N, C-alpha and C. Protein backbone atom coordinates (compact mmCIF):
# COMPACT_ATOMS: atom_id res chain seq x y z
N UNK A 1 48.65 25.45 105.53
CA UNK A 1 48.07 25.97 104.49
C UNK A 1 49.05 25.63 103.44
N UNK A 2 48.68 25.29 102.36
CA UNK A 2 49.68 25.28 101.11
C UNK A 2 50.15 25.99 100.85
N UNK A 3 51.32 25.89 99.71
CA UNK A 3 51.74 27.06 99.34
C UNK A 3 51.36 28.07 98.30
N UNK A 4 50.45 27.39 97.44
CA UNK A 4 49.86 28.06 96.55
C UNK A 4 48.80 28.39 97.35
N UNK A 5 47.90 28.40 98.48
CA UNK A 5 46.82 29.25 99.06
C UNK A 5 47.77 30.13 99.92
N UNK A 6 48.74 29.68 100.69
CA UNK A 6 49.20 31.21 101.08
C UNK A 6 49.78 32.28 100.07
N UNK A 7 50.12 31.88 99.14
CA UNK A 7 50.37 32.95 98.09
C UNK A 7 49.49 33.57 97.88
N UNK A 8 48.34 32.41 96.93
CA UNK A 8 47.08 33.67 97.56
C UNK A 8 46.49 34.99 98.05
N UNK A 9 46.38 34.16 99.26
CA UNK A 9 45.94 34.66 100.71
C UNK A 9 46.86 36.36 100.89
N UNK A 10 48.35 35.91 100.70
CA UNK A 10 49.40 37.18 100.47
C UNK A 10 49.06 38.18 99.35
N UNK A 11 48.62 37.47 98.39
CA UNK A 11 48.72 38.53 96.99
C UNK A 11 47.84 39.18 97.67
N UNK A 12 46.20 38.91 98.09
CA UNK A 12 45.11 39.59 98.20
C UNK A 12 45.31 40.58 99.18
N UNK A 13 46.13 40.23 100.10
CA UNK A 13 46.26 41.18 101.17
C UNK A 13 47.03 41.99 100.51
N UNK A 14 48.31 41.54 100.01
CA UNK A 14 49.30 43.04 99.37
C UNK A 14 48.57 43.80 98.25
N UNK A 15 47.49 43.56 98.21
CA UNK A 15 46.70 44.11 96.58
C UNK A 15 46.10 45.56 97.51
N UNK A 16 45.56 44.77 98.91
CA UNK A 16 44.61 46.11 99.41
C UNK A 16 45.51 46.79 100.06
N UNK A 17 46.38 46.16 100.75
CA UNK A 17 47.53 47.34 101.51
C UNK A 17 48.00 48.17 100.08
N UNK A 18 48.65 48.03 99.16
CA UNK A 18 49.05 48.78 98.07
C UNK A 18 47.92 49.77 97.38
N UNK A 19 46.71 49.05 97.58
CA UNK A 19 45.46 50.09 97.13
C UNK A 19 45.22 51.32 98.15
N UNK A 20 45.65 51.11 99.08
CA UNK A 20 45.39 51.66 100.44
C UNK A 20 46.85 52.94 100.15
N UNK A 21 48.01 52.89 100.09
CA UNK A 21 49.14 53.21 100.16
C UNK A 21 49.21 54.25 98.75
N UNK A 22 48.50 53.60 97.91
CA UNK A 22 48.42 54.71 96.58
C UNK A 22 47.09 55.50 96.61
N UNK A 23 46.06 54.77 96.77
CA UNK A 23 44.54 55.91 96.35
C UNK A 23 44.21 56.88 97.79
N UNK A 24 45.12 56.54 98.94
CA UNK A 24 44.67 57.47 100.10
C UNK A 24 45.12 58.81 99.62
N UNK A 25 47.09 58.81 99.71
CA UNK A 25 47.45 59.84 99.67
C UNK A 25 47.02 60.72 97.77
N UNK A 26 46.45 60.01 96.76
CA UNK A 26 46.21 60.46 96.12
C UNK A 26 45.00 61.30 96.22
N UNK A 27 44.12 60.62 96.74
CA UNK A 27 42.66 61.62 97.05
C UNK A 27 41.66 60.79 95.91
N UNK A 28 41.85 60.13 95.02
CA UNK A 28 40.83 59.56 94.14
C UNK A 28 41.15 58.36 93.54
N UNK A 29 40.11 57.90 93.33
CA UNK A 29 40.22 56.49 92.41
C UNK A 29 40.89 56.55 90.99
N UNK A 30 40.49 58.19 90.66
CA UNK A 30 40.54 58.47 88.94
C UNK A 30 42.24 58.19 88.77
N UNK A 31 42.39 57.59 88.81
CA UNK A 31 44.20 57.65 89.06
C UNK A 31 44.96 56.47 87.94
N UNK A 32 44.33 56.41 86.49
CA UNK A 32 44.65 55.12 86.30
C UNK A 32 45.95 54.54 85.82
N UNK A 33 46.85 55.49 86.14
CA UNK A 33 48.17 54.78 86.30
C UNK A 33 48.19 53.96 87.46
N UNK A 34 47.48 54.38 88.50
CA UNK A 34 47.70 53.33 89.54
C UNK A 34 47.38 52.15 89.08
N UNK A 35 45.81 52.18 88.21
CA UNK A 35 45.13 50.96 88.43
C UNK A 35 46.22 50.23 87.45
N UNK A 36 46.66 50.79 86.37
CA UNK A 36 47.56 49.88 85.43
C UNK A 36 48.52 49.35 86.26
N UNK A 37 49.36 50.36 87.09
CA UNK A 37 50.48 49.58 88.28
C UNK A 37 50.33 48.22 88.95
N UNK A 38 48.80 48.39 89.27
CA UNK A 38 48.53 47.17 90.03
C UNK A 38 48.22 46.22 89.45
N UNK A 39 47.62 46.47 88.17
CA UNK A 39 47.23 45.35 87.10
C UNK A 39 48.65 44.50 86.62
N UNK A 40 49.75 45.51 86.50
CA UNK A 40 50.77 44.68 85.75
C UNK A 40 51.70 44.26 86.90
N UNK A 41 51.69 44.70 88.13
CA UNK A 41 52.54 44.24 89.05
C UNK A 41 51.52 42.81 89.49
N UNK A 42 50.64 42.59 89.78
CA UNK A 42 49.94 41.67 90.09
C UNK A 42 50.08 40.31 88.88
N UNK A 43 50.12 40.53 87.86
CA UNK A 43 49.88 39.43 87.01
C UNK A 43 51.36 39.05 86.82
N UNK A 44 52.52 39.87 86.62
CA UNK A 44 53.92 40.00 86.71
C UNK A 44 54.38 38.72 87.96
N UNK A 45 53.53 39.00 88.89
CA UNK A 45 54.06 38.27 90.21
C UNK A 45 52.98 36.93 90.30
N UNK A 46 51.95 36.99 90.19
CA UNK A 46 50.93 35.86 89.88
C UNK A 46 51.53 34.60 89.26
N UNK A 47 51.53 34.82 88.03
CA UNK A 47 51.43 33.81 87.22
C UNK A 47 52.98 33.12 87.29
N UNK A 48 54.34 33.73 87.54
CA UNK A 48 55.44 32.86 88.01
C UNK A 48 55.20 32.40 89.37
N UNK A 49 54.23 32.82 89.99
CA UNK A 49 53.92 32.17 91.08
C UNK A 49 53.86 31.04 90.85
N UNK A 50 52.39 30.69 90.34
CA UNK A 50 51.74 29.89 90.01
C UNK A 50 52.63 28.65 89.19
N UNK A 51 53.93 28.61 88.41
CA UNK A 51 54.51 28.38 87.88
C UNK A 51 55.69 27.45 88.74
N UNK A 52 55.67 28.37 89.99
CA UNK A 52 56.99 27.66 91.23
C UNK A 52 55.90 26.91 92.19
N UNK A 53 54.98 27.35 92.42
CA UNK A 53 54.11 26.33 92.93
C UNK A 53 53.82 24.95 92.57
N UNK A 54 54.12 24.56 91.11
CA UNK A 54 53.85 23.57 90.77
C UNK A 54 55.23 22.93 90.34
N UNK A 55 55.82 23.87 90.09
CA UNK A 55 57.32 23.01 89.63
C UNK A 55 58.34 22.81 91.12
N UNK A 56 58.46 24.21 91.49
CA UNK A 56 59.60 24.09 92.97
C UNK A 56 58.60 24.92 94.15
N UNK A 57 57.88 24.28 94.70
CA UNK A 57 57.31 24.95 95.82
C UNK A 57 58.36 25.76 97.24
N UNK A 58 59.49 24.84 97.30
CA UNK A 58 60.44 25.61 98.43
C UNK A 58 60.91 26.39 98.00
N UNK A 59 61.21 26.79 96.55
CA UNK A 59 61.92 27.84 96.21
C UNK A 59 60.74 28.98 96.26
N UNK A 60 59.65 29.23 96.23
CA UNK A 60 58.16 29.55 96.21
C UNK A 60 58.34 30.01 97.72
N UNK A 61 58.29 29.30 98.95
CA UNK A 61 58.29 29.40 100.25
C UNK A 61 59.25 30.15 100.80
N UNK A 62 60.84 30.00 100.12
CA UNK A 62 61.80 30.79 100.14
C UNK A 62 61.68 32.34 99.91
N UNK A 63 61.08 32.50 99.37
CA UNK A 63 60.78 33.94 98.67
C UNK A 63 59.41 34.62 99.33
N UNK A 64 58.70 33.77 100.17
CA UNK A 64 57.75 34.17 100.87
C UNK A 64 57.75 34.81 101.77
N UNK A 65 58.91 33.91 102.81
CA UNK A 65 59.26 34.27 104.12
C UNK A 65 60.49 35.14 104.14
N UNK A 66 60.27 36.45 103.85
CA UNK A 66 60.84 37.08 104.19
C UNK A 66 60.30 38.51 105.68
N UNK A 67 60.65 39.64 105.48
CA UNK A 67 60.71 40.78 106.04
C UNK A 67 61.79 40.71 107.37
N UNK A 68 61.61 41.54 108.45
CA UNK A 68 62.84 42.05 109.13
C UNK A 68 62.54 40.99 109.95
N UNK A 69 61.46 40.17 110.64
CA UNK A 69 61.70 39.10 111.66
C UNK A 69 62.07 37.72 111.15
N UNK A 70 62.29 37.54 109.28
CA UNK A 70 62.91 36.53 109.10
C UNK A 70 64.42 36.86 108.81
N UNK A 71 64.58 37.93 108.70
CA UNK A 71 66.12 38.15 108.76
C UNK A 71 66.52 37.61 109.91
N UNK A 72 67.99 37.00 110.15
CA UNK A 72 68.96 36.48 110.88
C UNK A 72 69.90 36.88 111.44
N UNK A 73 70.70 38.50 110.79
CA UNK A 73 71.11 38.88 111.19
C UNK A 73 70.87 40.32 111.76
N UNK A 74 71.68 40.93 112.58
CA UNK A 74 70.63 41.87 112.96
C UNK A 74 71.18 43.29 112.33
N UNK A 75 71.61 43.91 111.67
CA UNK A 75 72.36 44.54 110.79
C UNK A 75 70.93 44.06 108.96
N UNK A 76 70.63 43.03 108.96
CA UNK A 76 70.11 43.17 108.02
C UNK A 76 68.34 43.23 108.27
N UNK A 77 68.06 43.06 109.39
CA UNK A 77 67.04 43.20 110.07
C UNK A 77 66.34 45.11 109.48
N UNK A 78 67.07 45.72 110.29
CA UNK A 78 67.30 47.11 109.92
C UNK A 78 67.39 47.56 108.14
N UNK A 79 68.18 46.91 107.62
CA UNK A 79 68.43 46.94 106.25
C UNK A 79 66.94 47.18 105.46
N UNK A 80 66.32 45.58 105.97
CA UNK A 80 65.11 45.70 105.00
C UNK A 80 63.75 46.73 105.73
N UNK A 81 64.16 46.93 107.07
CA UNK A 81 63.22 48.37 107.33
C UNK A 81 63.21 49.07 106.98
N UNK A 82 64.79 49.59 106.48
CA UNK A 82 64.78 50.73 105.67
C UNK A 82 64.27 50.34 104.20
N UNK A 83 64.53 49.14 103.86
CA UNK A 83 64.06 49.28 102.25
C UNK A 83 62.44 49.36 102.03
N UNK A 84 61.80 48.61 103.30
CA UNK A 84 60.40 48.97 103.21
C UNK A 84 59.99 50.51 103.54
N UNK A 85 60.62 51.63 104.22
CA UNK A 85 59.96 52.57 104.36
C UNK A 85 60.54 53.44 103.17
N UNK A 86 61.51 53.10 102.27
CA UNK A 86 61.45 53.76 100.99
C UNK A 86 61.11 53.46 100.02
N UNK A 87 60.25 52.00 100.00
CA UNK A 87 59.61 51.70 99.01
C UNK A 87 58.10 52.31 99.38
N UNK A 88 57.82 52.89 100.84
CA UNK A 88 56.49 53.14 101.19
C UNK A 88 56.51 54.76 100.43
N UNK A 89 57.34 55.44 101.01
CA UNK A 89 57.75 56.66 100.49
C UNK A 89 57.96 57.12 99.10
N UNK A 90 58.57 56.29 98.47
CA UNK A 90 57.82 56.24 97.03
C UNK A 90 56.95 55.76 96.42
N UNK A 91 56.55 55.36 97.02
CA UNK A 91 54.74 55.06 96.44
C UNK A 91 53.80 56.49 97.08
N UNK A 92 54.23 57.15 98.36
CA UNK A 92 53.51 57.54 98.30
C UNK A 92 53.65 58.96 97.83
N UNK A 93 54.61 59.01 97.74
CA UNK A 93 55.39 60.79 96.88
C UNK A 93 54.88 60.53 95.70
N UNK A 94 54.97 59.42 94.87
CA UNK A 94 54.27 59.10 93.66
C UNK A 94 52.73 59.70 93.79
N UNK A 95 52.10 59.20 94.59
CA UNK A 95 50.84 59.52 94.48
C UNK A 95 50.51 60.48 94.67
N UNK A 96 51.00 61.42 95.80
CA UNK A 96 50.91 63.51 96.40
C UNK A 96 51.18 63.80 94.91
N UNK A 97 52.06 63.21 94.35
CA UNK A 97 52.72 63.88 92.96
C UNK A 97 51.35 64.07 92.08
N UNK A 98 50.76 63.11 92.06
CA UNK A 98 49.70 62.80 91.12
C UNK A 98 48.14 63.71 91.43
N UNK A 99 48.15 63.95 92.91
CA UNK A 99 47.03 64.62 93.68
C UNK A 99 47.25 65.84 93.30
N UNK A 100 48.75 66.31 93.77
CA UNK A 100 49.02 68.13 93.55
C UNK A 100 49.44 68.41 92.07
N UNK A 101 49.61 67.88 90.97
CA UNK A 101 49.90 67.83 89.91
C UNK A 101 51.63 68.75 89.91
N UNK A 102 52.46 67.89 90.42
CA UNK A 102 53.51 68.46 90.24
C UNK A 102 54.23 68.14 89.09
N UNK A 103 54.28 66.96 88.50
CA UNK A 103 54.81 66.07 87.48
C UNK A 103 53.81 66.06 86.37
N UNK A 104 54.60 66.12 85.10
CA UNK A 104 53.80 66.08 83.92
C UNK A 104 54.17 65.06 83.24
N UNK A 105 53.81 63.64 83.41
CA UNK A 105 54.04 62.70 82.83
C UNK A 105 53.74 61.90 81.83
N UNK A 106 54.17 62.06 80.32
CA UNK A 106 53.28 61.32 79.09
C UNK A 106 52.99 60.30 79.55
N UNK A 107 51.60 59.86 78.97
CA UNK A 107 51.47 58.37 78.97
C UNK A 107 52.08 57.06 78.60
N UNK A 108 53.02 57.78 77.36
CA UNK A 108 54.03 56.79 77.17
C UNK A 108 55.06 56.15 78.20
N UNK A 109 55.54 57.69 79.02
CA UNK A 109 56.38 56.87 79.82
C UNK A 109 55.86 56.38 80.92
N UNK A 110 54.43 56.64 81.04
CA UNK A 110 54.07 55.95 82.37
C UNK A 110 54.12 54.44 81.52
N UNK A 111 53.58 54.00 80.63
CA UNK A 111 53.59 52.82 80.00
C UNK A 111 55.36 52.13 80.42
N UNK A 112 55.84 52.86 79.88
CA UNK A 112 57.04 52.60 79.74
C UNK A 112 57.70 52.14 81.20
N UNK A 113 57.40 52.82 82.10
CA UNK A 113 57.43 52.18 84.00
C UNK A 113 56.91 50.75 84.12
N UNK A 114 55.97 50.77 83.41
CA UNK A 114 54.91 49.62 83.65
C UNK A 114 56.10 48.00 82.86
N UNK A 115 56.54 48.64 81.94
CA UNK A 115 57.26 47.25 80.90
C UNK A 115 58.22 47.35 82.12
N UNK A 116 59.00 48.40 82.83
CA UNK A 116 60.53 48.30 83.27
C UNK A 116 60.06 46.91 84.49
N UNK A 117 58.93 47.91 85.49
CA UNK A 117 58.48 46.65 86.25
C UNK A 117 58.10 45.30 86.16
N UNK A 118 57.30 44.61 85.06
CA UNK A 118 56.84 43.89 84.41
C UNK A 118 58.82 42.90 84.33
N UNK A 119 59.58 43.88 83.65
CA UNK A 119 60.54 43.18 83.25
C UNK A 119 61.50 43.06 84.43
N UNK A 120 61.14 43.65 85.47
CA UNK A 120 62.02 43.68 86.73
C UNK A 120 61.34 42.04 87.74
N UNK A 121 60.40 42.21 87.67
CA UNK A 121 59.52 40.92 87.95
C UNK A 121 59.73 39.71 87.95
N UNK A 122 59.69 39.67 86.38
CA UNK A 122 59.93 38.35 85.42
C UNK A 122 61.31 38.34 85.56
N UNK A 123 62.53 39.45 85.52
CA UNK A 123 63.98 39.01 85.93
C UNK A 123 63.88 38.13 87.31
N UNK A 124 63.15 38.32 88.36
CA UNK A 124 63.37 38.32 89.71
C UNK A 124 63.15 36.61 89.95
N UNK A 125 61.79 36.38 89.23
CA UNK A 125 61.43 34.90 88.58
C UNK A 125 62.35 34.01 88.43
N UNK A 126 62.68 34.70 87.57
CA UNK A 126 63.72 33.88 86.27
C UNK A 126 65.07 33.75 87.55
N UNK A 127 65.40 34.33 88.22
CA UNK A 127 66.53 34.14 89.06
C UNK A 127 66.29 32.99 90.16
N UNK A 128 64.75 32.75 90.44
CA UNK A 128 64.49 31.97 91.14
C UNK A 128 64.40 30.44 90.40
N UNK A 129 64.58 30.54 89.25
CA UNK A 129 63.93 29.60 88.63
C UNK A 129 65.48 29.01 88.47
N UNK A 130 66.14 29.93 88.03
CA UNK A 130 67.81 29.23 88.10
C UNK A 130 68.74 29.29 89.43
N UNK A 131 68.19 29.58 90.31
CA UNK A 131 68.82 29.44 91.84
C UNK A 131 67.71 29.42 92.76
N UNK A 132 67.34 27.98 93.07
CA UNK A 132 65.89 27.71 93.76
C UNK A 132 66.62 28.09 95.71
N UNK A 133 67.90 28.76 95.86
CA UNK A 133 68.27 29.07 96.82
C UNK A 133 67.93 30.83 96.91
N UNK A 134 67.35 31.18 96.16
CA UNK A 134 67.21 32.73 96.31
C UNK A 134 66.22 33.14 97.39
N UNK A 135 66.59 32.76 97.91
CA UNK A 135 65.40 33.42 99.53
C UNK A 135 65.37 34.89 99.31
N UNK A 136 64.44 35.26 99.85
CA UNK A 136 64.43 36.67 100.47
C UNK A 136 64.50 37.21 101.69
N UNK A 137 65.37 35.89 102.35
CA UNK A 137 66.46 36.21 103.08
C UNK A 137 67.90 36.55 103.06
N UNK A 138 68.42 36.90 104.02
CA UNK A 138 69.91 36.69 104.10
C UNK A 138 70.57 35.31 104.75
N UNK A 139 70.61 34.25 104.27
CA UNK A 139 70.97 33.30 104.62
C UNK A 139 71.88 32.08 104.03
N UNK A 140 72.60 31.25 104.30
CA UNK A 140 72.80 29.79 103.65
C UNK A 140 72.48 28.88 104.07
N UNK A 141 71.65 27.98 103.11
CA UNK A 141 71.14 26.43 103.90
C UNK A 141 72.29 25.75 103.78
N UNK A 142 71.62 24.18 104.32
CA UNK A 142 72.56 22.98 104.40
C UNK A 142 72.46 22.25 103.04
N UNK A 143 73.52 22.26 102.22
CA UNK A 143 73.40 21.96 100.71
C UNK A 143 73.40 22.61 99.43
N UNK A 144 73.69 24.31 100.09
CA UNK A 144 73.21 24.93 98.81
C UNK A 144 74.30 25.14 98.53
N UNK A 145 74.46 25.20 96.94
CA UNK A 145 75.44 24.89 96.07
C UNK A 145 75.76 26.97 95.34
N UNK A 146 77.00 27.34 95.03
CA UNK A 146 76.97 28.71 94.61
C UNK A 146 76.68 28.45 92.62
N UNK A 147 75.14 29.38 92.90
CA UNK A 147 75.14 29.30 91.72
C UNK A 147 76.00 30.50 90.43
N UNK A 148 76.27 29.97 89.51
CA UNK A 148 77.22 30.43 88.79
C UNK A 148 76.77 30.62 86.81
N UNK A 149 75.70 29.79 86.53
CA UNK A 149 75.28 30.03 85.87
C UNK A 149 73.75 30.77 85.17
N UNK A 150 73.50 31.36 83.90
CA UNK A 150 72.26 31.71 83.82
C UNK A 150 73.27 33.42 84.08
N UNK A 151 71.90 34.22 84.54
CA UNK A 151 72.05 35.76 84.75
C UNK A 151 73.43 35.43 86.24
N UNK A 152 73.91 34.84 86.71
CA UNK A 152 74.70 34.96 87.74
C UNK A 152 75.85 35.09 86.90
N UNK A 153 76.05 34.05 85.69
CA UNK A 153 77.34 34.80 84.98
C UNK A 153 78.04 35.73 84.64
N UNK A 154 76.73 37.01 84.86
CA UNK A 154 76.52 38.34 84.57
C UNK A 154 77.09 39.36 85.73
N UNK A 155 76.03 38.97 86.45
CA UNK A 155 76.48 40.22 88.08
C UNK A 155 76.05 38.76 89.35
N UNK A 156 76.83 39.25 90.00
CA UNK A 156 76.77 38.55 91.24
C UNK A 156 75.24 38.26 92.04
N UNK A 157 74.42 39.44 91.75
CA UNK A 157 73.36 39.80 92.45
C UNK A 157 72.35 40.02 91.40
N UNK A 158 72.00 38.95 91.01
CA UNK A 158 70.59 39.40 89.48
C UNK A 158 69.43 39.80 90.34
N UNK A 159 69.18 38.95 91.36
CA UNK A 159 67.96 39.32 91.97
C UNK A 159 67.75 40.80 92.33
N UNK A 160 68.88 41.25 92.84
CA UNK A 160 68.83 42.82 93.16
C UNK A 160 69.25 43.56 92.25
N UNK A 161 69.44 43.16 91.05
CA UNK A 161 69.36 44.33 89.86
C UNK A 161 68.24 44.38 89.46
N UNK A 162 67.36 43.17 89.59
CA UNK A 162 65.98 42.74 89.13
C UNK A 162 65.48 44.01 89.62
N UNK A 163 65.67 44.40 91.19
CA UNK A 163 65.25 45.39 92.03
C UNK A 163 65.11 46.78 91.37
N UNK A 164 66.49 47.33 91.28
CA UNK A 164 66.81 48.46 90.80
C UNK A 164 66.06 48.68 89.04
N UNK A 165 65.52 47.83 88.29
CA UNK A 165 65.06 48.05 87.84
C UNK A 165 63.70 48.29 87.51
N UNK A 166 62.86 47.37 88.76
CA UNK A 166 61.52 47.81 89.42
C UNK A 166 61.66 49.75 89.91
N UNK A 167 62.67 49.62 90.76
CA UNK A 167 63.13 50.93 91.55
C UNK A 167 62.63 52.13 90.61
N UNK A 168 63.45 51.89 89.37
CA UNK A 168 63.42 52.94 88.28
C UNK A 168 61.62 53.28 87.68
N UNK A 169 61.20 51.98 87.39
CA UNK A 169 59.88 51.65 87.20
C UNK A 169 58.82 52.61 87.71
N UNK A 170 58.70 52.22 88.65
CA UNK A 170 57.91 52.49 89.89
C UNK A 170 57.25 54.41 89.51
N UNK A 171 57.85 54.99 89.85
CA UNK A 171 57.45 56.51 89.96
C UNK A 171 56.79 56.68 88.41
N UNK A 172 57.60 56.28 87.57
CA UNK A 172 57.33 56.34 86.35
C UNK A 172 56.07 56.04 85.57
N UNK A 173 55.69 54.51 86.55
CA UNK A 173 54.64 53.78 86.22
C UNK A 173 53.11 54.83 87.28
N UNK A 174 53.54 55.52 87.88
CA UNK A 174 52.58 55.97 88.72
C UNK A 174 52.40 57.76 88.02
N UNK A 175 53.26 57.94 87.31
CA UNK A 175 53.00 59.34 86.65
C UNK A 175 53.52 60.63 87.72
N UNK A 176 54.92 59.90 88.02
CA UNK A 176 55.47 60.73 88.91
C UNK A 176 56.84 60.90 88.58
N UNK A 177 57.92 62.07 88.22
CA UNK A 177 59.25 62.43 88.47
C UNK A 177 59.95 62.56 89.60
N UNK A 178 59.14 62.97 90.63
CA UNK A 178 59.31 63.41 91.97
C UNK A 178 59.95 61.81 92.72
N UNK A 179 59.14 61.21 92.28
CA UNK A 179 59.67 60.01 92.98
C UNK A 179 60.85 59.01 92.39
N UNK A 180 61.09 59.81 91.72
CA UNK A 180 62.59 59.15 90.87
C UNK A 180 63.40 59.78 92.04
N UNK A 181 63.70 60.84 92.79
CA UNK A 181 64.16 61.54 94.10
C UNK A 181 64.64 60.73 94.92
N UNK A 182 63.40 59.47 95.55
CA UNK A 182 64.07 58.69 96.30
C UNK A 182 64.80 57.28 95.87
N UNK A 183 64.82 57.18 94.37
CA UNK A 183 65.90 56.53 93.88
C UNK A 183 67.04 55.96 94.58
N UNK A 184 68.02 56.92 94.85
CA UNK A 184 69.52 56.93 95.29
C UNK A 184 69.51 56.71 96.68
N UNK A 185 68.42 56.95 97.08
CA UNK A 185 68.60 56.39 98.73
C UNK A 185 68.05 54.84 98.98
N UNK A 186 67.30 54.26 98.08
CA UNK A 186 66.80 53.28 97.91
C UNK A 186 68.08 52.76 97.24
N UNK A 187 69.19 52.71 96.35
CA UNK A 187 70.12 52.28 96.03
C UNK A 187 71.13 52.32 97.05
N UNK A 188 71.24 52.93 97.89
CA UNK A 188 72.32 53.42 99.19
C UNK A 188 71.90 51.75 100.17
N UNK A 189 70.21 51.74 100.22
CA UNK A 189 70.07 50.50 101.47
C UNK A 189 70.64 49.50 100.15
N UNK A 190 69.97 48.96 99.53
CA UNK A 190 70.54 48.22 98.64
C UNK A 190 72.38 47.95 99.00
N UNK A 191 72.83 48.90 98.74
CA UNK A 191 74.24 48.52 98.29
C UNK A 191 74.51 48.12 100.15
N UNK A 192 74.32 48.11 101.15
CA UNK A 192 74.41 47.87 102.11
C UNK A 192 74.10 46.39 102.11
N UNK A 193 73.12 45.90 101.73
CA UNK A 193 72.47 44.66 101.83
C UNK A 193 73.76 43.96 101.15
N UNK A 194 74.03 44.11 99.85
CA UNK A 194 74.90 43.30 99.21
C UNK A 194 76.50 43.22 99.69
N UNK A 195 76.63 44.20 100.65
CA UNK A 195 78.20 44.26 100.84
C UNK A 195 77.78 43.12 102.17
N UNK A 196 76.87 43.61 103.31
CA UNK A 196 76.86 42.43 104.30
C UNK A 196 76.26 41.07 103.59
N UNK A 197 75.66 40.71 103.10
CA UNK A 197 75.17 39.79 102.50
C UNK A 197 76.54 38.95 101.96
N UNK A 198 77.32 39.68 101.35
CA UNK A 198 78.72 38.88 101.15
C UNK A 198 79.48 38.74 101.52
N UNK A 199 79.71 39.32 102.61
CA UNK A 199 80.39 39.01 103.75
C UNK A 199 79.90 38.04 104.40
N UNK A 200 78.76 37.58 104.72
CA UNK A 200 78.30 36.19 104.85
C UNK A 200 78.43 35.14 104.06
N UNK A 201 77.92 35.23 102.81
CA UNK A 201 78.26 34.49 101.62
C UNK A 201 79.48 33.77 101.86
N UNK A 202 80.89 35.20 101.69
CA UNK A 202 82.05 34.14 101.56
C UNK A 202 82.82 33.60 102.58
N UNK A 203 82.04 33.91 104.02
CA UNK A 203 82.36 33.21 105.25
C UNK A 203 81.95 31.51 105.18
N UNK A 204 80.61 31.45 104.75
CA UNK A 204 79.79 30.32 104.80
C UNK A 204 79.23 29.55 103.51
N UNK A 205 79.72 30.14 102.32
CA UNK A 205 79.02 29.39 101.23
C UNK A 205 80.28 28.63 100.82
N UNK A 206 80.77 27.52 100.64
CA UNK A 206 81.45 27.10 99.69
C UNK A 206 81.92 27.77 98.39
N UNK A 207 83.21 27.91 97.90
CA UNK A 207 83.13 28.49 96.48
C UNK A 207 83.02 29.90 96.21
N UNK A 208 82.15 30.42 97.36
CA UNK A 208 81.88 31.69 96.95
C UNK A 208 82.91 32.66 96.58
N UNK A 209 83.80 32.82 97.43
CA UNK A 209 85.15 33.85 97.16
C UNK A 209 85.99 33.62 95.73
N UNK A 210 86.01 32.19 95.39
CA UNK A 210 86.18 31.93 94.10
C UNK A 210 85.21 32.45 93.14
N UNK A 211 83.86 32.46 93.03
CA UNK A 211 83.45 33.25 92.22
C UNK A 211 83.10 34.57 92.20
N UNK A 212 83.23 35.13 93.17
CA UNK A 212 83.80 36.19 93.60
C UNK A 212 84.90 37.03 92.77
N UNK A 213 85.88 36.42 92.38
CA UNK A 213 86.85 36.79 91.33
C UNK A 213 86.55 36.31 90.31
N UNK A 214 85.76 35.20 89.79
CA UNK A 214 85.58 35.16 88.49
C UNK A 214 84.33 36.11 87.90
N UNK A 215 83.01 36.59 88.89
CA UNK A 215 82.47 37.57 88.39
C UNK A 215 82.99 38.53 89.11
N UNK A 216 83.10 39.92 88.51
CA UNK A 216 83.51 41.22 89.12
C UNK A 216 82.61 41.96 89.74
N UNK A 217 81.42 41.96 88.54
CA UNK A 217 79.87 42.77 88.99
C UNK A 217 78.81 42.54 90.34
N UNK A 218 78.88 43.10 90.78
CA UNK A 218 77.45 42.86 91.97
C UNK A 218 76.41 43.31 91.18
N UNK A 219 76.24 44.26 91.05
CA UNK A 219 74.55 45.11 90.19
C UNK A 219 74.46 45.21 88.56
N UNK A 220 75.76 45.81 87.96
CA UNK A 220 75.58 45.75 86.78
C UNK A 220 77.43 45.69 86.06
N UNK A 221 77.06 44.97 84.95
CA UNK A 221 78.03 44.68 84.39
C UNK A 221 79.03 46.01 84.09
N UNK A 222 80.63 46.10 84.38
CA UNK A 222 81.18 47.04 84.43
C UNK A 222 81.23 48.12 84.91
N UNK A 223 79.88 47.98 85.85
CA UNK A 223 79.83 49.35 86.66
C UNK A 223 80.23 48.94 88.17
N UNK A 224 79.57 48.12 88.32
CA UNK A 224 79.60 48.09 90.31
C UNK A 224 79.01 46.67 90.44
């Protein structure tokens, strides 16, 4: 199956699963925040994916090849499982919040959450454009070079920085303040992934230790 077709099938399957995760705990289809969230996330993913399918299909394949089974390092398999469970919990808690009316989130705040999601996905795709080796798994490929320009000149892990932006946006987009309570746990999982990944990159990617000395911050400039 061609990369573009695989991406389409994966997107459709993801939409079905996402719909079940949100609308079942919400107990209703009358959940405009979820519909807008799904629409924004879908468009923000599909449009850059079409671009990559035409310009750099190898990079798109790297982004599609993810999940616990795709990880070569045992510790990363557990980290990815934890990340998936954290995202699942965040979505379900936000949907339950809508059902039970725990939060009163203004429409403008929810739309701000959608903006953060679109910005995070867009930033993630920009990372792939700037570094075609930015895979969904922790690995070093033959011929891989250290990316040092663009977003990589600001932080060492701009892909994960994009994930943080999305983490903050998801509960807000779904009309939930309670969902934000899971963000610290998700950040902790991300920290473990980064620390283990940097250990691998320092050992196997030529020039990475020197890059770490030039770019001091991992996620947020002047913070960490």
